[in-house]
Each structure stands twice: as C-alpha cells, then as structure tokens.
Amino acid sequence: MPSSQHSVDPPGAVSQTGLAKVADAMSRFIHLTANVFCWLGGLLVAAILFNVVMRYGFDQGLIIFEEIQWHLYAIGMMFGLSYAEITNSQVRVEVVSDHLRRQTMRKWEIFGALFFVYPFIYVVMINGFEYVSDSYRVGESSNSPLGLPYRWAIKSVIPISFALLAIAVTSRLLRNIDALLTKSDGDR
C-alpha cells in the first residue's frame, strides 16, 4: 500500500456508516453518467447550428436534424433528473421547508420518496418498457419520410432514465435515513 493511502480514517475524520457508503457509491455512479450525458449538450449545439446554417444559408432545412435536436433535448432532460436529485438542485417549495427543522425535513423527504416518488417511478418504468417493446415490435420510425428510424431507441430513454432516478432517490433516501439514525446534522 503506498504511503499516501491509509487503511484507517485520518485524525478528526468521521467514519461513514454502511448506509452512507452505499449512498456515496450510488451518487458517484449518477455523477459518472451525468458527466457522460453532459457532452450531448455540445452535440445539441452543433445540430442546431448545422440546421440553422442549412435552413437560412442554403434554404435546405433537414427534418433529420430537427428530430436529432428534439431527441438530444429529451435525453438531456430525462437523464438530468437523476443528477438534479443527487445534487439537490431540483425545484423545491422553500416556503414550508425553510421553516422546518432539518430532521423534520428529512422525515418528510423519506415519506415523499416512499409514498410518492417510488410509486411514480414504478408506473413510468413499467409503462415505459411496454412503450419501448411495442415500438420495437412494430418497427416504429418517424412519420416523416426523411426522419429518424428506430423510434424505440429514443423511447428507451424513458425507462433507463427513470432507473437512474430510482438510484438517485435511493441514494438520497439512504442519506436521510442514515442522518436520522446517527442524529447527524449534515447537508440534506
């Protein structure tokens, strides 16, 4: 083992519980996928620029690039949900939560995840898989003759992104449970 790595926590460090370690691993996975998908923003800009140049510079708008733009928007939005959950950057009604104690807020987040978020994720994923399989089965493609084929590929973003959202919500849930059990007052 190199001398810069230690097998024990450095002095003053708080050792993590098993729940926190699992939550950290899940968060790292979500951050990794977010880093991969964030590069699609550059492709989106390139597709928009190409489409604008073709349409206004050469009077040749291409349906395929318009569809690529919408698909890239969808991918960014859908996969961004899990990143927003992990980084706590989702939209939240602060009018109520600002006036609650941190531990009370954690309890509400646990309740919300178990009774609202997980059932919603379940319904979307189950229906999403059926949506994708039906699209694949019939060989669905764009309605436009010059549009993109394999419509099932973009539809598969729905269940995949919601699986990532389930991982993100589970990470957050484990952190909140860990904080309640250890009486920690760390970040939400």
N, C-alpha and C. Protein backbone atom coordinates (compact mmCIF):
# COMPACT_ATOMS: atom_id res chain seq x y z
N MET A 1 0.85 -1.18 0.00
CA MET A 1 0.00 0.00 0.00
C MET A 1 0.89 1.24 0.00
N PRO A 2 0.69 2.19 -0.92
CA PRO A 2 1.50 3.41 -0.94
C PRO A 2 1.35 4.18 0.36
N SER A 3 2.37 4.93 0.68
CA SER A 3 2.38 5.65 1.95
C SER A 3 1.33 6.76 2.00
N SER A 4 0.85 7.24 0.86
CA SER A 4 -0.14 8.31 0.87
C SER A 4 -1.54 7.79 1.19
N GLN A 5 -1.74 6.48 1.14
CA GLN A 5 -3.04 5.92 1.46
C GLN A 5 -2.98 5.27 2.83
N HIS A 6 -4.04 5.47 3.59
CA HIS A 6 -4.11 4.90 4.94
C HIS A 6 -5.30 3.97 5.01
N SER A 7 -5.17 2.93 5.81
CA SER A 7 -6.27 1.99 5.95
C SER A 7 -7.27 2.45 7.01
N VAL A 8 -6.89 3.45 7.80
CA VAL A 8 -7.81 3.98 8.81
C VAL A 8 -8.10 5.43 8.48
N ASP A 9 -9.19 5.93 9.03
CA ASP A 9 -9.55 7.33 8.79
C ASP A 9 -8.51 8.25 9.41
N PRO A 10 -8.19 9.36 8.75
CA PRO A 10 -7.26 10.31 9.34
C PRO A 10 -7.84 10.92 10.61
N PRO A 11 -6.99 11.46 11.48
CA PRO A 11 -7.48 12.05 12.73
C PRO A 11 -8.52 13.12 12.46
N GLY A 12 -9.62 13.10 13.20
CA GLY A 12 -10.66 14.11 13.07
C GLY A 12 -11.70 13.77 12.01
N ALA A 13 -11.46 12.73 11.22
CA ALA A 13 -12.43 12.36 10.18
C ALA A 13 -13.55 11.53 10.80
N VAL A 14 -14.71 11.68 10.25
CA VAL A 14 -15.85 10.92 10.71
C VAL A 14 -15.95 9.68 9.85
N SER A 15 -15.99 8.49 10.48
CA SER A 15 -16.11 7.27 9.68
C SER A 15 -17.55 7.16 9.21
N GLN A 16 -17.71 6.65 8.01
CA GLN A 16 -19.03 6.55 7.42
C GLN A 16 -19.70 5.24 7.81
N THR A 17 -21.00 5.30 7.92
CA THR A 17 -21.77 4.09 8.16
C THR A 17 -21.94 3.36 6.83
N GLY A 18 -22.45 2.14 6.91
CA GLY A 18 -22.68 1.36 5.70
C GLY A 18 -23.68 2.04 4.77
N LEU A 19 -24.73 2.63 5.34
CA LEU A 19 -25.72 3.33 4.51
C LEU A 19 -25.09 4.48 3.74
N ALA A 20 -24.24 5.24 4.42
CA ALA A 20 -23.60 6.39 3.78
C ALA A 20 -22.66 5.93 2.67
N LYS A 21 -21.98 4.82 2.87
CA LYS A 21 -21.07 4.31 1.84
C LYS A 21 -21.83 3.85 0.61
N VAL A 22 -22.97 3.19 0.81
CA VAL A 22 -23.80 2.76 -0.32
C VAL A 22 -24.35 3.99 -1.04
N ALA A 23 -24.81 4.97 -0.28
CA ALA A 23 -25.33 6.21 -0.88
C ALA A 23 -24.24 6.92 -1.68
N ASP A 24 -23.02 6.94 -1.16
CA ASP A 24 -21.91 7.57 -1.89
C ASP A 24 -21.61 6.85 -3.20
N ALA A 25 -21.65 5.51 -3.17
CA ALA A 25 -21.40 4.74 -4.39
C ALA A 25 -22.48 5.03 -5.43
N MET A 26 -23.72 5.11 -4.99
CA MET A 26 -24.81 5.43 -5.92
C MET A 26 -24.65 6.84 -6.49
N SER A 27 -24.28 7.77 -5.63
CA SER A 27 -24.08 9.16 -6.08
C SER A 27 -22.94 9.24 -7.10
N ARG A 28 -21.87 8.52 -6.84
CA ARG A 28 -20.75 8.53 -7.80
C ARG A 28 -21.18 7.98 -9.15
N PHE A 29 -22.00 6.94 -9.15
CA PHE A 29 -22.50 6.37 -10.40
C PHE A 29 -23.34 7.40 -11.15
N ILE A 30 -24.22 8.09 -10.45
CA ILE A 30 -25.06 9.11 -11.09
C ILE A 30 -24.19 10.25 -11.63
N HIS A 31 -23.19 10.67 -10.86
CA HIS A 31 -22.29 11.73 -11.35
C HIS A 31 -21.54 11.28 -12.60
N LEU A 32 -21.12 10.03 -12.62
CA LEU A 32 -20.42 9.50 -13.79
C LEU A 32 -21.32 9.52 -15.02
N THR A 33 -22.55 9.07 -14.88
CA THR A 33 -23.46 9.09 -16.03
C THR A 33 -23.77 10.52 -16.44
N ALA A 34 -23.90 11.42 -15.48
CA ALA A 34 -24.16 12.83 -15.81
C ALA A 34 -22.99 13.42 -16.59
N ASN A 35 -21.76 13.06 -16.21
CA ASN A 35 -20.59 13.56 -16.94
C ASN A 35 -20.58 13.06 -18.38
N VAL A 36 -21.06 11.84 -18.59
CA VAL A 36 -21.13 11.30 -19.95
C VAL A 36 -22.21 12.03 -20.75
N PHE A 37 -23.39 12.16 -20.17
CA PHE A 37 -24.50 12.75 -20.91
C PHE A 37 -24.39 14.26 -21.08
N CYS A 38 -23.60 14.93 -20.26
CA CYS A 38 -23.48 16.37 -20.42
C CYS A 38 -22.81 16.73 -21.75
N TRP A 39 -22.04 15.81 -22.30
CA TRP A 39 -21.41 16.08 -23.60
C TRP A 39 -22.42 16.12 -24.72
N LEU A 40 -23.61 15.62 -24.50
CA LEU A 40 -24.64 15.71 -25.52
C LEU A 40 -25.07 17.15 -25.76
N GLY A 41 -24.81 18.03 -24.79
CA GLY A 41 -25.11 19.44 -24.97
C GLY A 41 -24.32 20.03 -26.14
N GLY A 42 -23.07 19.61 -26.27
CA GLY A 42 -22.25 20.07 -27.39
C GLY A 42 -22.78 19.56 -28.71
N LEU A 43 -23.22 18.31 -28.73
CA LEU A 43 -23.83 17.77 -29.95
C LEU A 43 -25.12 18.50 -30.30
N LEU A 44 -25.89 18.85 -29.27
CA LEU A 44 -27.12 19.60 -29.49
C LEU A 44 -26.83 20.95 -30.13
N VAL A 45 -25.85 21.66 -29.61
CA VAL A 45 -25.48 22.96 -30.19
C VAL A 45 -25.02 22.79 -31.63
N ALA A 46 -24.23 21.76 -31.91
CA ALA A 46 -23.76 21.51 -33.27
C ALA A 46 -24.94 21.20 -34.21
N ALA A 47 -25.89 20.41 -33.74
CA ALA A 47 -27.06 20.08 -34.57
C ALA A 47 -27.90 21.32 -34.84
N ILE A 48 -28.06 22.17 -33.83
CA ILE A 48 -28.82 23.41 -34.02
C ILE A 48 -28.12 24.32 -35.01
N LEU A 49 -26.81 24.51 -34.83
CA LEU A 49 -26.05 25.36 -35.75
C LEU A 49 -26.10 24.84 -37.19
N PHE A 50 -25.94 23.54 -37.34
CA PHE A 50 -25.98 22.95 -38.68
C PHE A 50 -27.34 23.16 -39.31
N ASN A 51 -28.39 22.95 -38.52
CA ASN A 51 -29.74 23.12 -39.04
C ASN A 51 -30.02 24.57 -39.42
N VAL A 52 -29.57 25.52 -38.61
CA VAL A 52 -29.76 26.95 -38.90
C VAL A 52 -29.01 27.34 -40.17
N VAL A 53 -27.76 26.89 -40.28
CA VAL A 53 -26.96 27.21 -41.48
C VAL A 53 -27.61 26.60 -42.72
N MET A 54 -28.05 25.37 -42.63
CA MET A 54 -28.68 24.73 -43.79
C MET A 54 -29.99 25.41 -44.17
N ARG A 55 -30.77 25.76 -43.17
CA ARG A 55 -32.09 26.35 -43.44
C ARG A 55 -31.98 27.77 -43.97
N TYR A 56 -31.20 28.62 -43.29
CA TYR A 56 -31.16 30.04 -43.67
C TYR A 56 -30.03 30.37 -44.63
N GLY A 57 -29.01 29.53 -44.68
CA GLY A 57 -27.91 29.78 -45.60
C GLY A 57 -28.11 29.12 -46.95
N PHE A 58 -28.74 27.96 -46.94
CA PHE A 58 -28.88 27.20 -48.19
C PHE A 58 -30.33 26.84 -48.51
N ASP A 59 -31.29 27.37 -47.76
CA ASP A 59 -32.72 27.05 -47.95
C ASP A 59 -32.98 25.55 -47.99
N GLN A 60 -32.28 24.81 -47.15
CA GLN A 60 -32.42 23.35 -47.10
C GLN A 60 -32.58 22.90 -45.64
N GLY A 61 -33.77 23.02 -45.10
CA GLY A 61 -34.00 22.50 -43.76
C GLY A 61 -34.07 20.99 -43.80
N LEU A 62 -33.42 20.35 -42.87
CA LEU A 62 -33.41 18.89 -42.83
C LEU A 62 -34.19 18.38 -41.62
N ILE A 63 -35.22 17.61 -41.90
CA ILE A 63 -36.06 17.05 -40.84
C ILE A 63 -35.24 16.20 -39.88
N ILE A 64 -34.28 15.48 -40.40
CA ILE A 64 -33.49 14.58 -39.55
C ILE A 64 -32.75 15.36 -38.46
N PHE A 65 -32.26 16.56 -38.78
CA PHE A 65 -31.56 17.34 -37.76
C PHE A 65 -32.53 17.97 -36.76
N GLU A 66 -33.73 18.27 -37.20
CA GLU A 66 -34.74 18.74 -36.25
C GLU A 66 -35.09 17.63 -35.26
N GLU A 67 -35.23 16.41 -35.76
CA GLU A 67 -35.53 15.30 -34.87
C GLU A 67 -34.35 14.99 -33.95
N ILE A 68 -33.14 15.09 -34.47
CA ILE A 68 -31.96 14.88 -33.61
C ILE A 68 -31.95 15.90 -32.49
N GLN A 69 -32.29 17.16 -32.80
CA GLN A 69 -32.36 18.18 -31.75
C GLN A 69 -33.35 17.79 -30.66
N TRP A 70 -34.54 17.38 -31.05
CA TRP A 70 -35.54 17.03 -30.05
C TRP A 70 -35.12 15.81 -29.24
N HIS A 71 -34.48 14.87 -29.89
CA HIS A 71 -34.01 13.69 -29.16
C HIS A 71 -32.91 14.07 -28.16
N LEU A 72 -32.01 14.94 -28.56
CA LEU A 72 -30.95 15.37 -27.64
C LEU A 72 -31.52 16.18 -26.48
N TYR A 73 -32.51 17.03 -26.75
CA TYR A 73 -33.19 17.74 -25.66
C TYR A 73 -33.79 16.73 -24.68
N ALA A 74 -34.48 15.73 -25.21
CA ALA A 74 -35.14 14.73 -24.37
C ALA A 74 -34.13 13.96 -23.52
N ILE A 75 -33.03 13.56 -24.14
CA ILE A 75 -32.02 12.81 -23.40
C ILE A 75 -31.43 13.66 -22.27
N GLY A 76 -31.11 14.91 -22.58
CA GLY A 76 -30.55 15.79 -21.55
C GLY A 76 -31.51 16.00 -20.40
N MET A 77 -32.76 16.22 -20.72
CA MET A 77 -33.77 16.45 -19.68
C MET A 77 -34.00 15.20 -18.84
N MET A 78 -34.18 14.08 -19.49
CA MET A 78 -34.51 12.85 -18.77
C MET A 78 -33.36 12.38 -17.88
N PHE A 79 -32.14 12.44 -18.39
CA PHE A 79 -31.02 12.00 -17.58
C PHE A 79 -30.59 13.06 -16.58
N GLY A 80 -31.01 14.29 -16.81
CA GLY A 80 -30.73 15.36 -15.86
C GLY A 80 -31.54 15.25 -14.58
N LEU A 81 -32.65 14.52 -14.62
CA LEU A 81 -33.48 14.35 -13.43
C LEU A 81 -32.70 13.70 -12.28
N SER A 82 -31.97 12.65 -12.59
CA SER A 82 -31.23 11.94 -11.54
C SER A 82 -30.10 12.81 -10.99
N TYR A 83 -29.46 13.58 -11.86
CA TYR A 83 -28.40 14.48 -11.40
C TYR A 83 -28.97 15.56 -10.49
N ALA A 84 -30.13 16.10 -10.85
CA ALA A 84 -30.76 17.12 -10.01
C ALA A 84 -31.11 16.56 -8.65
N GLU A 85 -31.54 15.31 -8.60
CA GLU A 85 -31.88 14.68 -7.31
C GLU A 85 -30.64 14.51 -6.44
N ILE A 86 -29.56 14.04 -7.04
CA ILE A 86 -28.32 13.82 -6.28
C ILE A 86 -27.73 15.12 -5.76
N THR A 87 -27.77 16.16 -6.57
CA THR A 87 -27.16 17.43 -6.18
C THR A 87 -28.11 18.36 -5.44
N ASN A 88 -29.35 17.88 -5.21
CA ASN A 88 -30.36 18.67 -4.51
C ASN A 88 -30.63 19.99 -5.23
N SER A 89 -30.62 19.95 -6.55
CA SER A 89 -30.86 21.15 -7.33
C SER A 89 -32.22 21.12 -8.03
N GLN A 90 -33.08 20.20 -7.62
CA GLN A 90 -34.41 20.14 -8.18
C GLN A 90 -35.25 21.29 -7.61
N VAL A 91 -36.36 21.56 -8.26
CA VAL A 91 -37.25 22.62 -7.80
C VAL A 91 -37.92 22.16 -6.51
N ARG A 92 -37.94 23.03 -5.55
CA ARG A 92 -38.49 22.69 -4.23
C ARG A 92 -39.27 23.90 -3.72
N VAL A 93 -40.35 23.65 -3.02
CA VAL A 93 -41.13 24.74 -2.43
C VAL A 93 -40.49 25.08 -1.09
N GLU A 94 -39.75 26.16 -1.07
CA GLU A 94 -38.98 26.52 0.13
C GLU A 94 -39.83 27.23 1.18
N VAL A 95 -41.03 27.63 0.84
CA VAL A 95 -41.88 28.35 1.79
C VAL A 95 -42.09 27.54 3.05
N VAL A 96 -42.29 26.24 2.89
CA VAL A 96 -42.52 25.37 4.05
C VAL A 96 -41.21 24.81 4.58
N SER A 97 -40.36 24.30 3.70
CA SER A 97 -39.16 23.60 4.15
C SER A 97 -38.17 24.50 4.88
N ASP A 98 -38.17 25.79 4.59
CA ASP A 98 -37.26 26.70 5.29
C ASP A 98 -37.62 26.87 6.77
N HIS A 99 -38.87 26.56 7.11
CA HIS A 99 -39.31 26.75 8.49
C HIS A 99 -39.32 25.46 9.30
N LEU A 100 -38.86 24.36 8.70
CA LEU A 100 -38.82 23.09 9.40
C LEU A 100 -37.41 22.79 9.90
N ARG A 101 -37.35 22.06 11.00
CA ARG A 101 -36.04 21.59 11.46
C ARG A 101 -35.49 20.61 10.43
N ARG A 102 -34.20 20.49 10.40
CA ARG A 102 -33.55 19.62 9.42
C ARG A 102 -34.02 18.17 9.56
N GLN A 103 -34.13 17.69 10.78
CA GLN A 103 -34.57 16.30 10.99
C GLN A 103 -36.03 16.11 10.55
N THR A 104 -36.86 17.10 10.76
CA THR A 104 -38.26 17.02 10.31
C THR A 104 -38.31 17.00 8.78
N MET A 105 -37.49 17.80 8.15
CA MET A 105 -37.43 17.83 6.69
C MET A 105 -37.00 16.48 6.14
N ARG A 106 -36.03 15.85 6.82
CA ARG A 106 -35.58 14.52 6.40
C ARG A 106 -36.73 13.51 6.46
N LYS A 107 -37.51 13.57 7.51
CA LYS A 107 -38.65 12.66 7.65
C LYS A 107 -39.65 12.88 6.52
N TRP A 108 -39.91 14.12 6.16
CA TRP A 108 -40.81 14.41 5.06
C TRP A 108 -40.25 13.90 3.74
N GLU A 109 -38.95 14.04 3.55
CA GLU A 109 -38.33 13.55 2.32
C GLU A 109 -38.42 12.02 2.23
N ILE A 110 -38.22 11.34 3.35
CA ILE A 110 -38.35 9.88 3.37
C ILE A 110 -39.79 9.48 3.03
N PHE A 111 -40.74 10.14 3.67
CA PHE A 111 -42.15 9.87 3.40
C PHE A 111 -42.48 10.12 1.92
N GLY A 112 -42.03 11.24 1.38
CA GLY A 112 -42.30 11.57 -0.01
C GLY A 112 -41.69 10.58 -0.98
N ALA A 113 -40.47 10.15 -0.69
CA ALA A 113 -39.81 9.17 -1.57
C ALA A 113 -40.56 7.84 -1.56
N LEU A 114 -40.94 7.37 -0.38
CA LEU A 114 -41.58 6.07 -0.27
C LEU A 114 -43.01 6.05 -0.81
N PHE A 115 -43.76 7.11 -0.59
CA PHE A 115 -45.18 7.08 -0.93
C PHE A 115 -45.55 7.83 -2.21
N PHE A 116 -44.63 8.65 -2.73
CA PHE A 116 -44.94 9.38 -3.96
C PHE A 116 -43.94 9.10 -5.08
N VAL A 117 -42.66 9.25 -4.79
CA VAL A 117 -41.65 9.15 -5.85
C VAL A 117 -41.49 7.72 -6.33
N TYR A 118 -41.29 6.77 -5.43
CA TYR A 118 -41.11 5.38 -5.87
C TYR A 118 -42.32 4.82 -6.63
N PRO A 119 -43.55 5.05 -6.17
CA PRO A 119 -44.68 4.57 -6.97
C PRO A 119 -44.73 5.21 -8.37
N PHE A 120 -44.41 6.50 -8.45
CA PHE A 120 -44.40 7.18 -9.75
C PHE A 120 -43.32 6.58 -10.65
N ILE A 121 -42.13 6.36 -10.11
CA ILE A 121 -41.04 5.75 -10.89
C ILE A 121 -41.46 4.36 -11.37
N TYR A 122 -42.08 3.59 -10.49
CA TYR A 122 -42.52 2.24 -10.85
C TYR A 122 -43.50 2.28 -12.03
N VAL A 123 -44.50 3.13 -11.94
CA VAL A 123 -45.50 3.22 -13.01
C VAL A 123 -44.86 3.65 -14.32
N VAL A 124 -44.00 4.65 -14.28
CA VAL A 124 -43.36 5.12 -15.51
C VAL A 124 -42.46 4.04 -16.10
N MET A 125 -41.70 3.34 -15.27
CA MET A 125 -40.81 2.30 -15.79
C MET A 125 -41.58 1.13 -16.39
N ILE A 126 -42.61 0.66 -15.70
CA ILE A 126 -43.38 -0.47 -16.22
C ILE A 126 -44.02 -0.09 -17.56
N ASN A 127 -44.65 1.06 -17.60
CA ASN A 127 -45.27 1.51 -18.85
C ASN A 127 -44.22 1.87 -19.90
N GLY A 128 -43.08 2.37 -19.45
CA GLY A 128 -42.01 2.72 -20.38
C GLY A 128 -41.46 1.50 -21.10
N PHE A 129 -41.27 0.39 -20.38
CA PHE A 129 -40.78 -0.83 -21.03
C PHE A 129 -41.79 -1.34 -22.06
N GLU A 130 -43.06 -1.25 -21.72
CA GLU A 130 -44.09 -1.68 -22.67
C GLU A 130 -44.11 -0.75 -23.89
N TYR A 131 -43.96 0.52 -23.66
CA TYR A 131 -43.92 1.53 -24.72
C TYR A 131 -42.76 1.24 -25.68
N VAL A 132 -41.60 0.93 -25.13
CA VAL A 132 -40.42 0.63 -25.95
C VAL A 132 -40.62 -0.69 -26.71
N SER A 133 -41.10 -1.71 -26.02
CA SER A 133 -41.25 -3.01 -26.68
C SER A 133 -42.28 -2.96 -27.80
N ASP A 134 -43.37 -2.21 -27.60
CA ASP A 134 -44.36 -2.06 -28.67
C ASP A 134 -43.76 -1.33 -29.87
N SER A 135 -42.98 -0.32 -29.60
CA SER A 135 -42.33 0.44 -30.68
C SER A 135 -41.35 -0.44 -31.45
N TYR A 136 -40.61 -1.26 -30.73
CA TYR A 136 -39.64 -2.17 -31.37
C TYR A 136 -40.37 -3.24 -32.19
N ARG A 137 -41.43 -3.79 -31.59
CA ARG A 137 -42.18 -4.86 -32.23
C ARG A 137 -42.75 -4.44 -33.58
N VAL A 138 -43.28 -3.22 -33.67
CA VAL A 138 -43.89 -2.76 -34.92
C VAL A 138 -42.89 -2.05 -35.83
N GLY A 139 -41.64 -1.92 -35.39
CA GLY A 139 -40.63 -1.25 -36.22
C GLY A 139 -40.94 0.22 -36.42
N GLU A 140 -41.40 0.87 -35.38
CA GLU A 140 -41.82 2.27 -35.47
C GLU A 140 -40.65 3.17 -35.88
N SER A 141 -40.95 4.11 -36.75
CA SER A 141 -39.97 5.12 -37.15
C SER A 141 -40.69 6.45 -37.24
N SER A 142 -39.99 7.47 -37.63
CA SER A 142 -40.55 8.81 -37.74
C SER A 142 -41.68 8.82 -38.77
N ASN A 143 -42.64 9.70 -38.56
CA ASN A 143 -43.72 9.88 -39.52
C ASN A 143 -43.21 10.53 -40.81
N SER A 144 -42.13 11.27 -40.69
CA SER A 144 -41.56 11.93 -41.86
C SER A 144 -40.73 10.93 -42.66
N PRO A 145 -40.86 10.95 -43.97
CA PRO A 145 -40.06 10.02 -44.79
C PRO A 145 -38.55 10.21 -44.62
N LEU A 146 -38.14 11.43 -44.30
CA LEU A 146 -36.71 11.70 -44.11
C LEU A 146 -36.31 11.75 -42.65
N GLY A 147 -37.19 11.28 -41.76
CA GLY A 147 -36.92 11.32 -40.33
C GLY A 147 -36.09 10.14 -39.87
N LEU A 148 -35.91 10.07 -38.58
CA LEU A 148 -35.09 9.03 -37.97
C LEU A 148 -35.83 7.70 -37.86
N PRO A 149 -35.14 6.60 -38.14
CA PRO A 149 -35.74 5.27 -37.90
C PRO A 149 -35.54 4.88 -36.43
N TYR A 150 -35.96 3.70 -36.08
CA TYR A 150 -35.72 3.13 -34.75
C TYR A 150 -36.24 4.03 -33.62
N ARG A 151 -37.50 4.36 -33.68
CA ARG A 151 -38.10 5.22 -32.66
C ARG A 151 -37.99 4.59 -31.27
N TRP A 152 -37.89 3.26 -31.20
CA TRP A 152 -37.77 2.57 -29.91
C TRP A 152 -36.51 3.02 -29.16
N ALA A 153 -35.47 3.41 -29.88
CA ALA A 153 -34.22 3.80 -29.22
C ALA A 153 -34.42 5.05 -28.37
N ILE A 154 -35.10 6.05 -28.90
CA ILE A 154 -35.33 7.26 -28.10
C ILE A 154 -36.35 6.99 -27.00
N LYS A 155 -37.31 6.12 -27.27
CA LYS A 155 -38.29 5.79 -26.24
C LYS A 155 -37.66 5.01 -25.09
N SER A 156 -36.56 4.32 -25.36
CA SER A 156 -35.88 3.57 -24.29
C SER A 156 -35.25 4.49 -23.26
N VAL A 157 -35.09 5.76 -23.60
CA VAL A 157 -34.56 6.73 -22.64
C VAL A 157 -35.48 6.84 -21.42
N ILE A 158 -36.78 6.65 -21.63
CA ILE A 158 -37.73 6.81 -20.53
C ILE A 158 -37.46 5.81 -19.40
N PRO A 159 -37.51 4.50 -19.64
CA PRO A 159 -37.26 3.59 -18.50
C PRO A 159 -35.82 3.63 -17.99
N ILE A 160 -34.87 3.85 -18.88
CA ILE A 160 -33.47 3.91 -18.43
C ILE A 160 -33.24 5.11 -17.52
N SER A 161 -33.75 6.27 -17.92
CA SER A 161 -33.55 7.46 -17.09
C SER A 161 -34.29 7.35 -15.77
N PHE A 162 -35.44 6.69 -15.77
CA PHE A 162 -36.16 6.51 -14.51
C PHE A 162 -35.49 5.47 -13.62
N ALA A 163 -34.79 4.52 -14.20
CA ALA A 163 -33.98 3.60 -13.39
C ALA A 163 -32.86 4.38 -12.70
N LEU A 164 -32.24 5.30 -13.43
CA LEU A 164 -31.22 6.15 -12.81
C LEU A 164 -31.83 7.05 -11.73
N LEU A 165 -33.03 7.55 -12.00
CA LEU A 165 -33.70 8.36 -10.99
C LEU A 165 -33.99 7.54 -9.74
N ALA A 166 -34.36 6.28 -9.90
CA ALA A 166 -34.59 5.40 -8.75
C ALA A 166 -33.30 5.24 -7.93
N ILE A 167 -32.18 5.11 -8.62
CA ILE A 167 -30.89 5.01 -7.93
C ILE A 167 -30.61 6.30 -7.16
N ALA A 168 -30.85 7.44 -7.81
CA ALA A 168 -30.61 8.74 -7.17
C ALA A 168 -31.51 8.93 -5.95
N VAL A 169 -32.78 8.59 -6.09
CA VAL A 169 -33.71 8.74 -4.97
C VAL A 169 -33.32 7.79 -3.84
N THR A 170 -32.88 6.59 -4.18
CA THR A 170 -32.44 5.64 -3.16
C THR A 170 -31.21 6.16 -2.42
N SER A 171 -30.29 6.75 -3.15
CA SER A 171 -29.12 7.35 -2.51
C SER A 171 -29.53 8.42 -1.51
N ARG A 172 -30.43 9.27 -1.95
CA ARG A 172 -30.90 10.35 -1.09
C ARG A 172 -31.66 9.80 0.11
N LEU A 173 -32.48 8.78 -0.13
CA LEU A 173 -33.23 8.14 0.94
C LEU A 173 -32.29 7.54 1.99
N LEU A 174 -31.25 6.85 1.53
CA LEU A 174 -30.29 6.24 2.45
C LEU A 174 -29.56 7.31 3.27
N ARG A 175 -29.22 8.42 2.63
CA ARG A 175 -28.57 9.52 3.36
C ARG A 175 -29.49 10.08 4.45
N ASN A 176 -30.77 10.25 4.11
CA ASN A 176 -31.70 10.78 5.10
C ASN A 176 -31.93 9.79 6.24
N ILE A 177 -32.05 8.51 5.93
CA ILE A 177 -32.20 7.50 6.98
C ILE A 177 -30.95 7.46 7.86
N ASP A 178 -29.79 7.48 7.23
CA ASP A 178 -28.53 7.47 7.97
C ASP A 178 -28.44 8.69 8.90
N ALA A 179 -28.81 9.86 8.38
CA ALA A 179 -28.75 11.07 9.20
C ALA A 179 -29.71 11.00 10.38
N LEU A 180 -30.88 10.40 10.18
CA LEU A 180 -31.81 10.26 11.29
C LEU A 180 -31.30 9.27 12.32
N LEU A 181 -30.72 8.16 11.85
CA LEU A 181 -30.22 7.13 12.78
C LEU A 181 -29.00 7.60 13.56
N THR A 182 -28.14 8.36 12.92
CA THR A 182 -26.91 8.81 13.58
C THR A 182 -27.07 10.18 14.21
N LYS A 183 -28.26 10.75 14.08
CA LYS A 183 -28.55 12.10 14.61
C LYS A 183 -27.59 13.12 14.03
N SER A 184 -27.20 12.90 12.78
CA SER A 184 -26.29 13.80 12.09
C SER A 184 -27.04 15.03 11.62
N ASP A 185 -26.36 16.15 11.58
CA ASP A 185 -26.97 17.39 11.11
C ASP A 185 -26.25 17.89 9.86
N GLY A 186 -25.80 16.93 9.02
CA GLY A 186 -25.10 17.30 7.79
C GLY A 186 -26.06 17.84 6.76
N ASP A 187 -25.54 18.04 5.55
CA ASP A 187 -26.34 18.59 4.47
C ASP A 187 -27.49 17.65 4.10
N ARG A 188 -28.57 18.27 3.62
CA ARG A 188 -29.73 17.50 3.15
C ARG A 188 -29.41 16.93 1.85
